[in-house]
């Protein structure tokens, strides 16, 4: 016997808030032989699960500033209504005239994953990401942890 959630008499209560407890950035040299640059991986840890995003940054990209990214991301540590996270990102981009929107886009992608996990409890296993964290930290040439 199968029971679809849409037919269930129990309403699915979507979370209204998210508590972001940690944001990590791993800067890893590109693995491809012909690539000169870095893979920047962002991981969000929240009470709803883990969110992940990554970008490739060229080696000679002068606009990549890890300290600037730290400053932007630090303001997202804490408990927020899910609806206000998007508003905060828009506000940051508009008020600061962010020329480098990559960090905001990475954060948005990570939050989308967390939001999806919030609708599917039990999906966001921290254990799988802990094993990957060890590998990422071993390969990283730079690491940023905000909590």
C-alpha atoms as a PDB file:
ATOM      1  CA  UNK A   1       0.000   0.000   0.000  1.00  0.00           C
ATOM      2  CA  UNK A   2       1.368   3.406  -0.970  1.00  0.00           C
ATOM      3  CA  UNK A   3       0.403   6.708   0.530  1.00  0.00           C
ATOM      4  CA  UNK A   4       1.298   9.903  -1.272  1.00  0.00           C
ATOM      5  CA  UNK A   5       1.893  12.959   0.860  1.00  0.00           C
ATOM      6  CA  UNK A   6      -0.564  14.955  -1.221  1.00  0.00           C
ATOM      7  CA  UNK A   7      -3.280  12.532  -0.156  1.00  0.00           C
ATOM      8  CA  UNK A   8      -2.218  12.411   3.462  1.00  0.00           C
ATOM      9  CA  UNK A   9      -4.479  13.897   6.094  1.00  0.00           C
ATOM     10  CA  UNK A  10      -1.392  15.262   7.872  1.00  0.00           C
ATOM     11  CA  UNK A  11      -0.487  18.723   6.583  1.00  0.00           C
ATOM     12  CA  UNK A  12       3.176  19.322   5.822  1.00  0.00           C
ATOM     13  CA  UNK A  13       4.311  22.226   7.928  1.00  0.00           C
ATOM     14  CA  UNK A  14       7.007  24.121   6.082  1.00  0.00           C
ATOM     15  CA  UNK A  15       9.638  25.786   8.230  1.00  0.00           C
ATOM     16  CA  UNK A  16       9.305  29.532   8.574  1.00  0.00           C
ATOM     17  CA  UNK A  17      12.801  30.184   9.927  1.00  0.00           C
ATOM     18  CA  UNK A  18      16.306  28.965   9.312  1.00  0.00           C
ATOM     19  CA  UNK A  19      19.184  29.021  11.756  1.00  0.00           C
ATOM     20  CA  UNK A  20      22.456  29.250   9.844  1.00  0.00           C
ATOM     21  CA  UNK A  21      25.104  28.125  12.297  1.00  0.00           C
ATOM     22  CA  UNK A  22      28.135  27.907  10.016  1.00  0.00           C
ATOM     23  CA  UNK A  23      29.319  29.069   6.606  1.00  0.00           C
ATOM     24  CA  UNK A  24      32.489  27.598   5.159  1.00  0.00           C
ATOM     25  CA  UNK A  25      34.519  28.441   2.079  1.00  0.00           C
ATOM     26  CA  UNK A  26      37.118  26.063   0.705  1.00  0.00           C
ATOM     27  CA  UNK A  27      39.506  27.370  -1.973  1.00  0.00           C
ATOM     28  CA  UNK A  28      40.949  24.393  -3.836  1.00  0.00           C
ATOM     29  CA  UNK A  29      43.350  24.391  -6.797  1.00  0.00           C
ATOM     30  CA  UNK A  30      41.679  23.320 -10.042  1.00  0.00           C
ATOM     31  CA  UNK A  31      42.237  19.628 -10.723  1.00  0.00           C
ATOM     32  CA  UNK A  32      42.296  19.742 -14.510  1.00  0.00           C
ATOM     33  CA  UNK A  33      45.808  19.801 -15.966  1.00  0.00           C
ATOM     34  CA  UNK A  34      45.023  22.680 -18.316  1.00  0.00           C
ATOM     35  CA  UNK A  35      43.145  24.787 -15.734  1.00  0.00           C
ATOM     36  CA  UNK A  36      44.759  27.609 -13.845  1.00  0.00           C
ATOM     37  CA  UNK A  37      42.444  28.676 -11.145  1.00  0.00           C
ATOM     38  CA  UNK A  38      40.535  27.584  -8.110  1.00  0.00           C
ATOM     39  CA  UNK A  39      37.347  25.817  -7.218  1.00  0.00           C
ATOM     40  CA  UNK A  40      35.655  27.809  -4.460  1.00  0.00           C
ATOM     41  CA  UNK A  41      33.208  25.673  -2.486  1.00  0.00           C
ATOM     42  CA  UNK A  42      30.655  27.180  -0.120  1.00  0.00           C
ATOM     43  CA  UNK A  43      28.902  25.059   2.483  1.00  0.00           C
ATOM     44  CA  UNK A  44      26.055  26.316   4.653  1.00  0.00           C
ATOM     45  CA  UNK A  45      25.203  24.425   7.830  1.00  0.00           C
ATOM     46  CA  UNK A  46      21.742  25.061   9.235  1.00  0.00           C
ATOM     47  CA  UNK A  47      19.119  23.496  11.442  1.00  0.00           C
ATOM     48  CA  UNK A  48      17.295  22.445   8.238  1.00  0.00           C
ATOM     49  CA  UNK A  49      20.300  20.729   6.660  1.00  0.00           C
ATOM     50  CA  UNK A  50      23.342  21.465   4.540  1.00  0.00           C
ATOM     51  CA  UNK A  51      23.476  23.696   1.469  1.00  0.00           C
ATOM     52  CA  UNK A  52      26.264  23.567  -1.080  1.00  0.00           C
ATOM     53  CA  UNK A  53      27.518  25.667  -3.953  1.00  0.00           C
ATOM     54  CA  UNK A  54      30.699  26.116  -5.928  1.00  0.00           C
ATOM     55  CA  UNK A  55      32.303  28.430  -8.474  1.00  0.00           C
ATOM     56  CA  UNK A  56      35.427  28.320 -10.584  1.00  0.00           C
ATOM     57  CA  UNK A  57      37.683  31.353 -10.083  1.00  0.00           C
ATOM     58  CA  UNK A  58      40.479  32.079 -12.561  1.00  0.00           C
ATOM     59  CA  UNK A  59      43.942  32.298 -11.052  1.00  0.00           C
ATOM     60  CA  UNK A  60      44.461  35.879 -12.258  1.00  0.00           C
ATOM     61  CA  UNK A  61      41.011  37.097 -11.121  1.00  0.00           C
ATOM     62  CA  UNK A  62      41.860  40.170  -9.055  1.00  0.00           C
ATOM     63  CA  UNK A  63      38.198  40.668  -8.040  1.00  0.00           C
ATOM     64  CA  UNK A  64      38.218  37.548  -5.837  1.00  0.00           C
ATOM     65  CA  UNK A  65      38.754  38.829  -2.302  1.00  0.00           C
ATOM     66  CA  UNK A  66      38.252  36.274   0.465  1.00  0.00           C
ATOM     67  CA  UNK A  67      38.165  38.946   3.189  1.00  0.00           C
ATOM     68  CA  UNK A  68      35.409  40.797   1.349  1.00  0.00           C
ATOM     69  CA  UNK A  69      33.446  37.555   1.021  1.00  0.00           C
ATOM     70  CA  UNK A  70      33.930  36.958   4.768  1.00  0.00           C
ATOM     71  CA  UNK A  71      32.412  40.336   5.548  1.00  0.00           C
ATOM     72  CA  UNK A  72      29.364  39.694   3.358  1.00  0.00           C
ATOM     73  CA  UNK A  73      28.755  36.164   4.594  1.00  0.00           C
ATOM     74  CA  UNK A  74      29.202  36.954   8.304  1.00  0.00           C
ATOM     75  CA  UNK A  75      25.900  38.865   8.295  1.00  0.00           C
ATOM     76  CA  UNK A  76      24.045  35.629   7.468  1.00  0.00           C
ATOM     77  CA  UNK A  77      25.055  33.735  10.600  1.00  0.00           C
ATOM     78  CA  UNK A  78      22.065  33.445  12.908  1.00  0.00           C
ATOM     79  CA  UNK A  79      18.341  32.766  12.876  1.00  0.00           C
ATOM     80  CA  UNK A  80      16.230  34.412  10.162  1.00  0.00           C
ATOM     81  CA  UNK A  81      12.770  34.119   8.658  1.00  0.00           C
ATOM     82  CA  UNK A  82      13.253  32.295   5.356  1.00  0.00           C
ATOM     83  CA  UNK A  83      11.575  35.150   3.502  1.00  0.00           C
ATOM     84  CA  UNK A  84      14.001  37.734   4.880  1.00  0.00           C
ATOM     85  CA  UNK A  85      17.143  35.953   3.632  1.00  0.00           C
ATOM     86  CA  UNK A  86      16.381  36.882   0.026  1.00  0.00           C
ATOM     87  CA  UNK A  87      15.518  40.423   1.078  1.00  0.00           C
ATOM     88  CA  UNK A  88      18.863  40.709   2.927  1.00  0.00           C
ATOM     89  CA  UNK A  89      20.784  39.566  -0.149  1.00  0.00           C
ATOM     90  CA  UNK A  90      18.996  42.081  -2.343  1.00  0.00           C
ATOM     91  CA  UNK A  91      19.638  44.810   0.212  1.00  0.00           C
ATOM     92  CA  UNK A  92      23.354  43.987   0.377  1.00  0.00           C
ATOM     93  CA  UNK A  93      23.716  43.988  -3.397  1.00  0.00           C
ATOM     94  CA  UNK A  94      21.797  47.255  -3.795  1.00  0.00           C
ATOM     95  CA  UNK A  95      23.323  49.155  -0.858  1.00  0.00           C
ATOM     96  CA  UNK A  96      26.907  48.230  -1.601  1.00  0.00           C
ATOM     97  CA  UNK A  97      26.662  48.163  -5.375  1.00  0.00           C
ATOM     98  CA  UNK A  98      28.277  44.734  -5.324  1.00  0.00           C
ATOM     99  CA  UNK A  99      30.327  44.357  -8.445  1.00  0.00           C
ATOM    100  CA  UNK A 100      31.187  40.771  -7.504  1.00  0.00           C
ATOM    101  CA  UNK A 101      27.854  39.020  -7.107  1.00  0.00           C
ATOM    102  CA  UNK A 102      29.402  35.526  -7.140  1.00  0.00           C
ATOM    103  CA  UNK A 103      29.384  35.141  -3.365  1.00  0.00           C
ATOM    104  CA  UNK A 104      25.713  36.163  -3.228  1.00  0.00           C
ATOM    105  CA  UNK A 105      24.840  33.733  -6.023  1.00  0.00           C
ATOM    106  CA  UNK A 106      26.689  30.936  -4.226  1.00  0.00           C
ATOM    107  CA  UNK A 107      24.821  31.718  -1.019  1.00  0.00           C
ATOM    108  CA  UNK A 108      21.467  31.734  -2.854  1.00  0.00           C
ATOM    109  CA  UNK A 109      22.212  28.326  -4.402  1.00  0.00           C
ATOM    110  CA  UNK A 110      23.114  26.906  -0.987  1.00  0.00           C
ATOM    111  CA  UNK A 111      19.933  28.356   0.527  1.00  0.00           C
ATOM    112  CA  UNK A 112      17.811  26.830  -2.250  1.00  0.00           C
ATOM    113  CA  UNK A 113      19.169  23.416  -1.291  1.00  0.00           C
ATOM    114  CA  UNK A 114      18.446  24.054   2.378  1.00  0.00           C
ATOM    115  CA  UNK A 115      14.917  25.199   1.553  1.00  0.00           C
ATOM    116  CA  UNK A 116      14.317  22.014  -0.451  1.00  0.00           C
ATOM    117  CA  UNK A 117      15.638  19.926   2.443  1.00  0.00           C
ATOM    118  CA  UNK A 118      13.293  21.741   4.795  1.00  0.00           C
ATOM    119  CA  UNK A 119      10.412  20.440   2.702  1.00  0.00           C
ATOM    120  CA  UNK A 120      11.840  16.887   2.841  1.00  0.00           C
ATOM    121  CA  UNK A 121      12.877  16.178   6.450  1.00  0.00           C
ATOM    122  CA  UNK A 122      15.698  13.672   6.878  1.00  0.00           C
ATOM    123  CA  UNK A 123      17.381  14.395   3.528  1.00  0.00           C
ATOM    124  CA  UNK A 124      20.098  16.748   4.809  1.00  0.00           C
ATOM    125  CA  UNK A 125      22.463  14.281   6.441  1.00  0.00           C
ATOM    126  CA  UNK A 126      25.451  15.981   8.015  1.00  0.00           C
ATOM    127  CA  UNK A 127      27.413  12.701   8.139  1.00  0.00           C
ATOM    128  CA  UNK A 128      27.995  12.526   4.382  1.00  0.00           C
ATOM    129  CA  UNK A 129      29.329  16.083   4.357  1.00  0.00           C
ATOM    130  CA  UNK A 130      31.668  15.478   7.308  1.00  0.00           C
ATOM    131  CA  UNK A 131      33.615  12.901   5.284  1.00  0.00           C
ATOM    132  CA  UNK A 132      33.885  15.316   2.364  1.00  0.00           C
ATOM    133  CA  UNK A 133      34.974  18.141   4.675  1.00  0.00           C
ATOM    134  CA  UNK A 134      38.133  16.251   5.596  1.00  0.00           C
ATOM    135  CA  UNK A 135      39.089  15.850   1.925  1.00  0.00           C
ATOM    136  CA  UNK A 136      38.295  19.491   1.168  1.00  0.00           C
ATOM    137  CA  UNK A 137      40.381  20.741   4.083  1.00  0.00           C
ATOM    138  CA  UNK A 138      43.342  18.616   2.997  1.00  0.00           C
ATOM    139  CA  UNK A 139      43.247  20.057  -0.532  1.00  0.00           C
ATOM    140  CA  UNK A 140      42.357  23.653   0.351  1.00  0.00           C
ATOM    141  CA  UNK A 141      44.903  26.415  -0.121  1.00  0.00           C
ATOM    142  CA  UNK A 142      42.582  28.729   1.815  1.00  0.00           C
ATOM    143  CA  UNK A 143      39.753  27.996   4.234  1.00  0.00           C
ATOM    144  CA  UNK A 144      37.200  30.263   5.836  1.00  0.00           C
ATOM    145  CA  UNK A 145      34.844  29.203   8.615  1.00  0.00           C
ATOM    146  CA  UNK A 146      32.229  31.557  10.010  1.00  0.00           C
ATOM    147  CA  UNK A 147      30.114  30.601  13.017  1.00  0.00           C
END
